C-alpha atoms as a PDB file:
ATOM      1  CA  MET A   1      30.275  44.963-100.020  1.00  0.00           C
ATOM      2  CA  ASN A   2      31.538  41.524 -99.177  1.00  0.00           C
ATOM      3  CA  GLY A   3      35.030  42.954 -98.763  1.00  0.00           C
ATOM      4  CA  ALA A   4      33.789  45.598 -96.383  1.00  0.00           C
ATOM      5  CA  PHE A   5      31.938  42.887 -94.362  1.00  0.00           C
ATOM      6  CA  LEU A   6      35.039  40.725 -94.208  1.00  0.00           C
ATOM      7  CA  GLY A   7      37.181  43.704 -93.207  1.00  0.00           C
ATOM      8  CA  GLY A   8      34.765  44.580 -90.380  1.00  0.00           C
ATOM      9  CA  SER A   9      34.666  40.978 -89.127  1.00  0.00           C
ATOM     10  CA  PHE A  10      38.451  40.779 -89.062  1.00  0.00           C
ATOM     11  CA  LEU A  11      38.629  44.038 -87.131  1.00  0.00           C
ATOM     12  CA  LEU A  12      36.133  42.763 -84.568  1.00  0.00           C
ATOM     13  CA  CYS A  13      38.119  39.562 -84.132  1.00  0.00           C
ATOM     14  CA  VAL A  14      41.323  41.478 -83.574  1.00  0.00           C
ATOM     15  CA  VAL A  15      39.619  43.755 -81.055  1.00  0.00           C
ATOM     16  CA  GLY A  16      38.109  40.744 -79.277  1.00  0.00           C
ATOM     17  CA  ILE A  17      41.469  39.023 -79.066  1.00  0.00           C
ATOM     18  CA  LEU A  18      43.083  42.191 -77.711  1.00  0.00           C
ATOM     19  CA  VAL A  19      40.323  42.556 -75.124  1.00  0.00           C
ATOM     20  CA  LEU A  20      40.666  38.934 -74.013  1.00  0.00           C
ATOM     21  CA  PHE A  21      44.441  39.305 -73.827  1.00  0.00           C
ATOM     22  CA  ALA A  22      44.055  42.453 -71.732  1.00  0.00           C
ATOM     23  CA  LEU A  23      41.578  40.733 -69.468  1.00  0.00           C
ATOM     24  CA  GLY A  24      43.932  37.778 -69.074  1.00  0.00           C
ATOM     25  CA  ILE A  25      46.814  40.055 -68.142  1.00  0.00           C
ATOM     26  CA  LEU A  26      44.595  41.972 -65.750  1.00  0.00           C
ATOM     27  CA  ILE A  27      43.389  38.797 -64.091  1.00  0.00           C
ATOM     28  CA  THR A  28      46.911  37.479 -63.631  1.00  0.00           C
ATOM     29  CA  SER A  29      47.920  40.854 -62.192  1.00  0.00           C
ATOM     30  CA  ILE A  30      45.339  40.589 -59.424  1.00  0.00           C
ATOM     31  CA  ARG A  31      46.322  38.227 -56.612  1.00  0.00           C
ATOM     32  CA  ILE A  32      44.438  37.422 -53.429  1.00  0.00           C
ATOM     33  CA  VAL A  33      46.862  36.333 -50.696  1.00  0.00           C
ATOM     34  CA  PRO A  34      45.461  34.360 -47.680  1.00  0.00           C
ATOM     35  CA  GLU A  35      46.420  35.241 -44.105  1.00  0.00           C
ATOM     36  CA  TYR A  36      48.796  32.287 -43.795  1.00  0.00           C
ATOM     37  CA  GLN A  37      50.728  33.140 -46.985  1.00  0.00           C
ATOM     38  CA  ARG A  38      52.963  35.901 -48.284  1.00  0.00           C
ATOM     39  CA  LEU A  39      53.686  36.947 -51.865  1.00  0.00           C
ATOM     40  CA  VAL A  40      57.324  37.704 -52.668  1.00  0.00           C
ATOM     41  CA  VAL A  41      57.294  40.167 -55.599  1.00  0.00           C
ATOM     42  CA  LEU A  42      60.119  40.330 -58.135  1.00  0.00           C
ATOM     43  CA  ARG A  43      60.055  43.355 -60.468  1.00  0.00           C
ATOM     44  CA  LEU A  44      62.142  42.857 -63.560  1.00  0.00           C
ATOM     45  CA  GLY A  45      63.951  40.085 -61.693  1.00  0.00           C
ATOM     46  CA  ARG A  46      64.712  42.069 -58.521  1.00  0.00           C
ATOM     47  CA  VAL A  47      63.009  41.460 -55.204  1.00  0.00           C
ATOM     48  CA  ILE A  48      61.019  44.489 -54.103  1.00  0.00           C
ATOM     49  CA  GLY A  49      59.609  42.822 -50.962  1.00  0.00           C
ATOM     50  CA  GLN A  50      56.763  40.663 -49.780  1.00  0.00           C
ATOM     51  CA  LYS A  51      53.111  41.584 -49.927  1.00  0.00           C
ATOM     52  CA  GLY A  52      49.935  40.301 -48.359  1.00  0.00           C
ATOM     53  CA  PRO A  53      47.648  39.224 -46.977  1.00  0.00           C
ATOM     54  CA  GLY A  54      44.677  40.478 -48.952  1.00  0.00           C
ATOM     55  CA  LEU A  55      44.398  41.927 -52.468  1.00  0.00           C
ATOM     56  CA  VAL A  56      47.705  42.456 -54.259  1.00  0.00           C
ATOM     57  CA  LEU A  57      48.061  44.143 -57.664  1.00  0.00           C
ATOM     58  CA  LEU A  58      51.042  43.304 -59.860  1.00  0.00           C
ATOM     59  CA  LEU A  59      52.276  45.203 -62.885  1.00  0.00           C
ATOM     60  CA  PRO A  60      51.545  43.144 -65.951  1.00  0.00           C
ATOM     61  CA  LEU A  61      54.570  41.577 -67.630  1.00  0.00           C
ATOM     62  CA  ILE A  62      56.854  43.337 -65.123  1.00  0.00           C
ATOM     63  CA  ASP A  63      56.111  41.865 -61.690  1.00  0.00           C
ATOM     64  CA  GLN A  64      56.317  38.220 -60.744  1.00  0.00           C
ATOM     65  CA  GLY A  65      54.933  36.781 -57.514  1.00  0.00           C
ATOM     66  CA  ARG A  66      56.156  33.719 -55.566  1.00  0.00           C
ATOM     67  CA  THR A  67      53.791  32.392 -52.888  1.00  0.00           C
ATOM     68  CA  VAL A  68      55.317  31.259 -49.574  1.00  0.00           C
ATOM     69  CA  ASP A  69      53.351  29.379 -46.888  1.00  0.00           C
ATOM     70  CA  LEU A  70      54.013  30.672 -43.357  1.00  0.00           C
ATOM     71  CA  ARG A  71      52.291  27.812 -41.542  1.00  0.00           C
ATOM     72  CA  GLU A  72      54.321  25.241 -39.599  1.00  0.00           C
ATOM     73  CA  GLN A  73      55.113  22.305 -41.815  1.00  0.00           C
ATOM     74  CA  VAL A  74      56.093  18.716 -41.057  1.00  0.00           C
ATOM     75  CA  ARG A  75      58.272  16.513 -43.212  1.00  0.00           C
ATOM     76  CA  GLU A  76      59.205  12.858 -42.860  1.00  0.00           C
ATOM     77  CA  VAL A  77      62.697  11.493 -43.235  1.00  0.00           C
ATOM     78  CA  PRO A  78      62.275   7.808 -44.136  1.00  0.00           C
ATOM     79  CA  HIS A  79      64.344   5.013 -42.635  1.00  0.00           C
ATOM     80  CA  GLN A  80      68.021   5.764 -42.928  1.00  0.00           C
ATOM     81  CA  THR A  81      70.797   3.317 -42.056  1.00  0.00           C
ATOM     82  CA  SER A  82      73.352   4.956 -39.795  1.00  0.00           C
ATOM     83  CA  ILE A  83      76.512   3.630 -38.140  1.00  0.00           C
ATOM     84  CA  THR A  84      76.916   4.293 -34.420  1.00  0.00           C
ATOM     85  CA  LYS A  85      80.185   5.155 -32.704  1.00  0.00           C
ATOM     86  CA  ASP A  86      80.726   1.477 -31.837  1.00  0.00           C
ATOM     87  CA  ASN A  87      80.129   0.414 -35.489  1.00  0.00           C
ATOM     88  CA  ALA A  88      76.609  -0.926 -35.064  1.00  0.00           C
ATOM     89  CA  PRO A  89      74.267  -0.328 -38.040  1.00  0.00           C
ATOM     90  CA  ILE A  90      70.815   0.910 -37.067  1.00  0.00           C
ATOM     91  CA  SER A  91      67.812   2.121 -39.033  1.00  0.00           C
ATOM     92  CA  ILE A  92      66.134   5.378 -37.945  1.00  0.00           C
ATOM     93  CA  ASP A  93      63.290   7.469 -39.272  1.00  0.00           C
ATOM     94  CA  PHE A  94      62.087  10.764 -37.854  1.00  0.00           C
ATOM     95  CA  LEU A  95      59.807  13.748 -38.377  1.00  0.00           C
ATOM     96  CA  TRP A  96      60.983  17.330 -38.386  1.00  0.00           C
ATOM     97  CA  TYR A  97      58.872  20.463 -38.104  1.00  0.00           C
ATOM     98  CA  TYR A  98      59.763  23.850 -39.537  1.00  0.00           C
ATOM     99  CA  LYS A  99      58.279  27.273 -40.090  1.00  0.00           C
ATOM    100  CA  VAL A 100      59.188  30.031 -42.555  1.00  0.00           C
ATOM    101  CA  VAL A 101      60.200  33.217 -40.748  1.00  0.00           C
ATOM    102  CA  ASP A 102      61.542  35.142 -43.761  1.00  0.00           C
ATOM    103  CA  ALA A 103      59.684  34.528 -47.000  1.00  0.00           C
ATOM    104  CA  THR A 104      62.167  36.498 -49.088  1.00  0.00           C
ATOM    105  CA  LEU A 105      65.156  34.387 -48.007  1.00  0.00           C
ATOM    106  CA  THR A 106      63.172  31.223 -48.690  1.00  0.00           C
ATOM    107  CA  VAL A 107      62.639  32.320 -52.281  1.00  0.00           C
ATOM    108  CA  VAL A 108      66.071  33.772 -53.121  1.00  0.00           C
ATOM    109  CA  GLY A 109      68.257  31.811 -50.680  1.00  0.00           C
ATOM    110  CA  VAL A 110      67.716  28.274 -52.005  1.00  0.00           C
ATOM    111  CA  GLY A 111      66.525  26.810 -55.282  1.00  0.00           C
ATOM    112  CA  ASN A 112      64.545  23.817 -53.986  1.00  0.00           C
ATOM    113  CA  PHE A 113      64.060  24.121 -50.272  1.00  0.00           C
ATOM    114  CA  GLU A 114      62.273  20.760 -49.848  1.00  0.00           C
ATOM    115  CA  MET A 115      65.064  18.752 -51.481  1.00  0.00           C
ATOM    116  CA  ALA A 116      67.811  20.729 -49.778  1.00  0.00           C
ATOM    117  CA  ALA A 117      66.188  20.318 -46.350  1.00  0.00           C
ATOM    118  CA  ALA A 118      65.702  16.572 -46.856  1.00  0.00           C
ATOM    119  CA  GLY A 119      69.374  16.148 -47.785  1.00  0.00           C
ATOM    120  CA  ILE A 120      70.526  18.203 -44.803  1.00  0.00           C
ATOM    121  CA  ALA A 121      68.268  16.197 -42.471  1.00  0.00           C
ATOM    122  CA  THR A 122      69.675  12.888 -43.721  1.00  0.00           C
ATOM    123  CA  THR A 123      73.321  13.870 -43.473  1.00  0.00           C
ATOM    124  CA  THR A 124      72.752  15.517 -40.078  1.00  0.00           C
ATOM    125  CA  LEU A 125      71.131  12.352 -38.754  1.00  0.00           C
ATOM    126  CA  ARG A 126      74.082  10.218 -39.820  1.00  0.00           C
ATOM    127  CA  SER A 127      76.535  12.728 -38.348  1.00  0.00           C
ATOM    128  CA  VAL A 128      74.758  12.791 -34.980  1.00  0.00           C
ATOM    129  CA  ILE A 129      74.317   9.008 -34.755  1.00  0.00           C
ATOM    130  CA  GLY A 130      77.961   8.463 -35.734  1.00  0.00           C
ATOM    131  CA  GLY A 131      79.091  10.182 -32.546  1.00  0.00           C
ATOM    132  CA  ILE A 132      76.883   8.204 -30.128  1.00  0.00           C
ATOM    133  CA  MET A 133      77.224   4.669 -28.778  1.00  0.00           C
ATOM    134  CA  LEU A 134      74.479   2.170 -29.567  1.00  0.00           C
ATOM    135  CA  ASP A 135      73.256   1.948 -25.964  1.00  0.00           C
ATOM    136  CA  ASP A 136      73.008   5.745 -25.816  1.00  0.00           C
ATOM    137  CA  VAL A 137      71.073   5.842 -29.083  1.00  0.00           C
ATOM    138  CA  LEU A 138      68.500   3.473 -27.617  1.00  0.00           C
ATOM    139  CA  SER A 139      68.259   5.225 -24.253  1.00  0.00           C
ATOM    140  CA  GLN A 140      68.815   8.922 -25.061  1.00  0.00           C
ATOM    141  CA  ARG A 141      66.201   9.569 -27.714  1.00  0.00           C
ATOM    142  CA  GLU A 142      65.302  12.995 -26.357  1.00  0.00           C
ATOM    143  CA  HIS A 143      68.938  14.081 -26.432  1.00  0.00           C
ATOM    144  CA  ILE A 144      69.225  12.968 -30.058  1.00  0.00           C
ATOM    145  CA  ASN A 145      66.047  14.886 -30.945  1.00  0.00           C
ATOM    146  CA  GLN A 146      67.450  18.055 -29.410  1.00  0.00           C
ATOM    147  CA  THR A 147      70.827  17.648 -31.125  1.00  0.00           C
ATOM    148  CA  LEU A 148      69.208  17.102 -34.530  1.00  0.00           C
ATOM    149  CA  ARG A 149      66.964  20.132 -34.062  1.00  0.00           C
ATOM    150  CA  VAL A 150      69.890  22.413 -33.199  1.00  0.00           C
ATOM    151  CA  LYS A 151      72.041  21.233 -36.111  1.00  0.00           C
ATOM    152  CA  LEU A 152      69.203  21.474 -38.643  1.00  0.00           C
ATOM    153  CA  ASP A 153      68.265  24.914 -37.394  1.00  0.00           C
ATOM    154  CA  GLU A 154      71.847  26.129 -37.837  1.00  0.00           C
ATOM    155  CA  VAL A 155      71.772  25.120 -41.504  1.00  0.00           C
ATOM    156  CA  THR A 156      68.239  26.241 -42.425  1.00  0.00           C
ATOM    157  CA  GLU A 157      68.529  29.612 -40.665  1.00  0.00           C
ATOM    158  CA  ARG A 158      70.225  31.125 -43.719  1.00  0.00           C
ATOM    159  CA  TRP A 159      67.188  30.111 -45.770  1.00  0.00           C
ATOM    160  CA  GLY A 160      64.769  31.993 -43.548  1.00  0.00           C
ATOM    161  CA  VAL A 161      63.432  28.788 -41.948  1.00  0.00           C
ATOM    162  CA  LYS A 162      63.181  27.927 -38.260  1.00  0.00           C
ATOM    163  CA  VAL A 163      63.258  24.239 -37.275  1.00  0.00           C
ATOM    164  CA  THR A 164      60.826  23.985 -34.357  1.00  0.00           C
ATOM    165  CA  ASN A 165      60.981  20.321 -33.425  1.00  0.00           C
ATOM    166  CA  VAL A 166      62.454  16.931 -34.312  1.00  0.00           C
ATOM    167  CA  GLU A 167      60.896  13.609 -33.230  1.00  0.00           C
ATOM    168  CA  ILE A 168      62.448  10.186 -33.829  1.00  0.00           C
ATOM    169  CA  ARG A 169      59.660   7.735 -34.569  1.00  0.00           C
ATOM    170  CA  GLU A 170      61.430   4.378 -34.729  1.00  0.00           C
ATOM    171  CA  ILE A 171      64.880   2.968 -34.070  1.00  0.00           C
ATOM    172  CA  ILE A 172      65.558  -0.511 -35.417  1.00  0.00           C
ATOM    173  CA  PRO A 173      68.785  -2.040 -34.079  1.00  0.00           C
ATOM    174  CA  PRO A 174      70.478  -5.080 -35.673  1.00  0.00           C
ATOM    175  CA  ARG A 175      68.883  -8.501 -35.204  1.00  0.00           C
ATOM    176  CA  GLU A 176      71.664  -9.669 -32.900  1.00  0.00           C
ATOM    177  CA  VAL A 177      71.154  -6.630 -30.695  1.00  0.00           C
ATOM    178  CA  GLN A 178      67.399  -7.220 -30.634  1.00  0.00           C
ATOM    179  CA  GLU A 179      67.910 -10.824 -29.540  1.00  0.00           C
ATOM    180  CA  ALA A 180      70.359  -9.710 -26.841  1.00  0.00           C
ATOM    181  CA  MET A 181      67.874  -7.079 -25.676  1.00  0.00           C
ATOM    182  CA  ASN A 182      65.129  -9.697 -25.499  1.00  0.00           C
ATOM    183  CA  ARG A 183      67.345 -11.999 -23.430  1.00  0.00           C
ATOM    184  CA  GLN A 184      68.317  -9.114 -21.174  1.00  0.00           C
ATOM    185  CA  MET A 185      64.692  -8.148 -20.762  1.00  0.00           C
ATOM    186  CA  SER A 186      63.744 -11.747 -19.901  1.00  0.00           C
ATOM    187  CA  ALA A 187      66.588 -11.949 -17.375  1.00  0.00           C
ATOM    188  CA  GLU A 188      65.537  -8.653 -15.836  1.00  0.00           C
ATOM    189  CA  ARG A 189      61.947  -9.862 -15.486  1.00  0.00           C
ATOM    190  CA  THR A 190      63.203 -13.093 -13.879  1.00  0.00           C
ATOM    191  CA  ARG A 191      65.395 -11.103 -11.493  1.00  0.00           C
ATOM    192  CA  ARG A 192      62.532  -8.841 -10.516  1.00  0.00           C
ATOM    193  CA  ALA A 193      60.298 -11.859  -9.961  1.00  0.00           C
ATOM    194  CA  LEU A 194      62.916 -13.482  -7.726  1.00  0.00           C
ATOM    195  CA  VAL A 195      63.445 -10.260  -5.808  1.00  0.00           C
ATOM    196  CA  THR A 196      59.717  -9.843  -5.360  1.00  0.00           C
ATOM    197  CA  GLU A 197      59.341 -13.459  -4.251  1.00  0.00           C
ATOM    198  CA  SER A 198      62.238 -13.230  -1.785  1.00  0.00           C
ATOM    199  CA  THR A 199      60.897  -9.961  -0.447  1.00  0.00           C
ATOM    200  CA  GLY A 200      57.519 -11.580   0.064  1.00  0.00           C
ATOM    201  CA  GLU A 201      59.073 -14.563   1.833  1.00  0.00           C
ATOM    202  CA  LYS A 202      61.117 -12.221   4.023  1.00  0.00           C
ATOM    203  CA  GLU A 203      58.063 -10.197   4.982  1.00  0.00           C
ATOM    204  CA  ALA A 204      56.085 -13.391   5.604  1.00  0.00           C
ATOM    205  CA  ALA A 205      58.860 -14.756   7.860  1.00  0.00           C
ATOM    206  CA  ILE A 206      59.020 -11.456   9.724  1.00  0.00           C
ATOM    207  CA  ASN A 207      55.266 -11.475  10.157  1.00  0.00           C
ATOM    208  CA  ARG A 208      55.319 -15.080  11.398  1.00  0.00           C
ATOM    209  CA  ALA A 209      58.136 -14.322  13.831  1.00  0.00           C
ATOM    210  CA  GLU A 210      56.337 -11.233  15.024  1.00  0.00           C
ATOM    211  CA  GLY A 211      53.158 -13.262  15.476  1.00  0.00           C
ATOM    212  CA  GLN A 212      55.002 -15.965  17.409  1.00  0.00           C
ATOM    213  CA  LYS A 213      56.635 -13.282  19.559  1.00  0.00           C
ATOM    214  CA  GLN A 214      53.295 -11.672  20.322  1.00  0.00           C
ATOM    215  CA  ALA A 215      51.768 -15.098  21.040  1.00  0.00           C
ATOM    216  CA  ALA A 216      54.632 -15.991  23.420  1.00  0.00           C
ATOM    217  CA  ILE A 217      54.267 -12.631  25.162  1.00  0.00           C
ATOM    218  CA  LEU A 218      50.531 -13.114  25.525  1.00  0.00           C
ATOM    219  CA  GLN A 219      51.002 -16.703  26.728  1.00  0.00           C
ATOM    220  CA  ALA A 220      53.607 -15.621  29.305  1.00  0.00           C
ATOM    221  CA  GLU A 221      51.355 -12.807  30.429  1.00  0.00           C
ATOM    222  CA  GLY A 222      48.479 -15.238  30.740  1.00  0.00           C
ATOM    223  CA  GLU A 223      50.569 -17.692  32.746  1.00  0.00           C
ATOM    224  CA  ARG A 224      51.766 -14.881  35.022  1.00  0.00           C
ATOM    225  CA  GLN A 225      48.228 -13.722  35.631  1.00  0.00           C
ATOM    226  CA  SER A 226      47.165 -17.328  36.207  1.00  0.00           C
ATOM    227  CA  ASN A 227      49.991 -17.892  38.707  1.00  0.00           C
ATOM    228  CA  ILE A 228      49.102 -14.688  40.492  1.00  0.00           C
ATOM    229  CA  LEU A 229      45.484 -15.726  40.683  1.00  0.00           C
ATOM    230  CA  ARG A 230      46.393 -19.226  41.929  1.00  0.00           C
ATOM    231  CA  ALA A 231      48.725 -17.734  44.556  1.00  0.00           C
ATOM    232  CA  GLU A 232      46.003 -15.335  45.634  1.00  0.00           C
ATOM    233  CA  GLY A 233      43.580 -18.249  45.851  1.00  0.00           C
ATOM    234  CA  GLU A 234      45.977 -20.360  47.874  1.00  0.00           C
ATOM    235  CA  LYS A 235      46.654 -17.398  50.137  1.00  0.00           C
ATOM    236  CA  GLN A 236      42.957 -16.893  50.715  1.00  0.00           C
ATOM    237  CA  ALA A 237      42.472 -20.633  51.280  1.00  0.00           C
ATOM    238  CA  GLN A 238      45.310 -20.778  53.789  1.00  0.00           C
ATOM    239  CA  LEU A 239      43.929 -17.760  55.561  1.00  0.00           C
ATOM    240  CA  LEU A 240      40.528 -19.371  55.717  1.00  0.00           C
ATOM    241  CA  ARG A 241      42.007 -22.672  56.963  1.00  0.00           C
ATOM    242  CA  ALA A 242      44.032 -20.827  59.590  1.00  0.00           C
ATOM    243  CA  GLU A 243      40.948 -18.944  60.658  1.00  0.00           C
ATOM    244  CA  GLY A 244      39.080 -22.291  60.875  1.00  0.00           C
ATOM    245  CA  PHE A 245      41.838 -23.875  62.947  1.00  0.00           C
ATOM    246  CA  ALA A 246      41.915 -20.862  65.221  1.00  0.00           C
ATOM    247  CA  ALA A 247      38.169 -20.981  65.687  1.00  0.00           C
ATOM    248  CA  ALA A 248      38.330 -24.748  66.354  1.00  0.00           C
ATOM    249  CA  LEU A 249      41.078 -24.298  68.913  1.00  0.00           C
ATOM    250  CA  GLN A 250      39.140 -21.560  70.594  1.00  0.00           C
ATOM    251  CA  THR A 251      36.101 -23.813  70.737  1.00  0.00           C
ATOM    252  CA  ILE A 252      38.139 -26.727  72.113  1.00  0.00           C
ATOM    253  CA  TYR A 253      39.800 -24.461  74.603  1.00  0.00           C
ATOM    254  CA  ALA A 254      36.465 -23.085  75.688  1.00  0.00           C
ATOM    255  CA  ALA A 255      35.055 -26.590  76.059  1.00  0.00           C
ATOM    256  CA  ALA A 256      38.154 -27.893  77.876  1.00  0.00           C
ATOM    257  CA  SER A 257      38.126 -25.037  80.327  1.00  0.00           C
ATOM    258  CA  GLY A 258      34.759 -26.297  81.697  1.00  0.00           C
ATOM    259  CA  ILE A 259      35.885 -29.931  82.291  1.00  0.00           C
ATOM    260  CA  ASP A 260      37.053 -30.890  85.874  1.00  0.00           C
ATOM    261  CA  GLN A 261      39.847 -33.249  86.887  1.00  0.00           C
ATOM    262  CA  LYS A 262      37.574 -36.232  87.429  1.00  0.00           C
ATOM    263  CA  THR A 263      36.147 -36.061  83.949  1.00  0.00           C
ATOM    264  CA  MET A 264      39.611 -35.982  82.489  1.00  0.00           C
ATOM    265  CA  THR A 265      40.630 -39.036  84.577  1.00  0.00           C
ATOM    266  CA  LEU A 266      37.579 -41.001  83.455  1.00  0.00           C
ATOM    267  CA  GLN A 267      38.316 -40.158  79.822  1.00  0.00           C
ATOM    268  CA  TYR A 268      41.862 -41.360  80.333  1.00  0.00           C
ATOM    269  CA  PHE A 269      40.589 -44.672  81.740  1.00  0.00           C
ATOM    270  CA  ASP A 270      38.282 -45.121  78.757  1.00  0.00           C
ATOM    271  CA  ALA A 271      41.219 -44.660  76.427  1.00  0.00           C
ATOM    272  CA  LEU A 272      43.242 -47.276  78.302  1.00  0.00           C
ATOM    273  CA  LYS A 273      40.292 -49.638  78.174  1.00  0.00           C
ATOM    274  CA  ALA A 274      40.076 -49.246  74.400  1.00  0.00           C
ATOM    275  CA  LEU A 275      43.751 -49.980  74.085  1.00  0.00           C
ATOM    276  CA  GLY A 276      43.408 -53.191  76.027  1.00  0.00           C
ATOM    277  CA  ALA A 277      40.532 -54.553  73.988  1.00  0.00           C
ATOM    278  CA  SER A 278      42.875 -56.569  71.764  1.00  0.00           C
ATOM    279  CA  PRO A 279      44.234 -59.956  73.095  1.00  0.00           C
ATOM    280  CA  SER A 280      47.744 -59.012  72.116  1.00  0.00           C
ATOM    281  CA  THR A 281      47.604 -55.674  73.759  1.00  0.00           C
ATOM    282  CA  LYS A 282      50.242 -54.957  76.312  1.00  0.00           C
ATOM    283  CA  TYR A 283      49.332 -52.727  79.211  1.00  0.00           C
ATOM    284  CA  ILE A 284      51.658 -49.889  79.775  1.00  0.00           C
ATOM    285  CA  PHE A 285      51.046 -47.792  82.824  1.00  0.00           C
ATOM    286  CA  PRO A 286      52.500 -44.381  82.658  1.00  0.00           C
ATOM    287  CA  MET A 287      54.426 -43.013  85.610  1.00  0.00           C
ATOM    288  CA  GLU A 288      51.691 -40.506  86.393  1.00  0.00           C
ATOM    289  CA  PHE A 289      49.070 -43.228  86.674  1.00  0.00           C
ATOM    290  CA  THR A 290      49.307 -43.308  90.480  1.00  0.00           C
ATOM    291  CA  SER A 291      48.976 -39.569  90.611  1.00  0.00           C
ATOM    292  CA  LEU A 292      45.828 -39.826  88.545  1.00  0.00           C
ATOM    293  CA  LEU A 293      44.397 -42.381  90.905  1.00  0.00           C
ATOM    294  CA  SER A 294      45.326 -40.335  93.864  1.00  0.00           C
ATOM    295  CA  GLY A 295      43.634 -37.358  92.401  1.00  0.00           C
ATOM    296  CA  PHE A 296      40.605 -39.391  91.597  1.00  0.00           C
ATOM    297  CA  ALA A 297      40.532 -40.903  95.112  1.00  0.00           C
ATOM    298  CA  GLY A 298      41.173 -37.566  96.701  1.00  0.00           C
ATOM    299  CA  GLY A 299      38.320 -36.112  94.837  1.00  0.00           C
ATOM    300  CA  ASN A 300      35.992 -38.771  96.115  1.00  0.00           C
ATOM    301  CA  LYS A 301      37.024 -38.107  99.736  1.00  0.00           C
ATOM    302  CA  LYS A 302      36.226 -34.427  99.350  1.00  0.00           C
ATOM    303  CA  GLU A 303      32.806 -35.339  98.198  1.00  0.00           C
END
């Protein structure tokens, strides 16, 4: 009875192990592939294609699946010392972006894609930098990015990978070059400051000259207007004086026209009397004096 019990227990254990083994194989044969991945299936060592996304069933012990990520990936190439065309050592690091376009080629075309791509990126960087002068390396970063992308893409295309972008992060030139760049930058700032200062002085001088010109023009215009006004005033004053003289002469003439000969003779005598008031006065009788007397005497006889 004990033997029969032991025999039954052994049989149950064997059955349990077989069931667990079958379940294990079944579980490994069922694969769930996300949307951003593909499963490259090898049946008895031969590629039969890629499957996914979703539920994928593999034949136990016959099919093998290799998962490939289709999302865009980014990898960093650490600082690499490269020699420029003019024999200047510089240190450069950059990022490169790639995307798998053919999962099958990625699996069967290269053994270790990550290591192979890193080596290609490093050697490509040194090759590109070796054909460019130091000044161009520092000033043509975008051109270097484009050149690296094209060269990397040419190599990785046979592996089913598309290089989408390359971005240089940092370029470290030699210390001597850095010091020269700092001096050049300082000199450029000084030059710009001097140019700005001279431009300001020039504009200020132009503004002052323009102001003086406008002031001189305004002053001359003011003097001209003042002279015109003074001339107009003098003209009006002269006209008024002339009108006064004319009116005075008319008044004198009107008054003189009413005076007779006797009155004029008496006024003449009064003037002679005033002249002779001084002790040193000399009497001068004009030639018409007798005619005046005769007129005066004749006038009295008429009366």
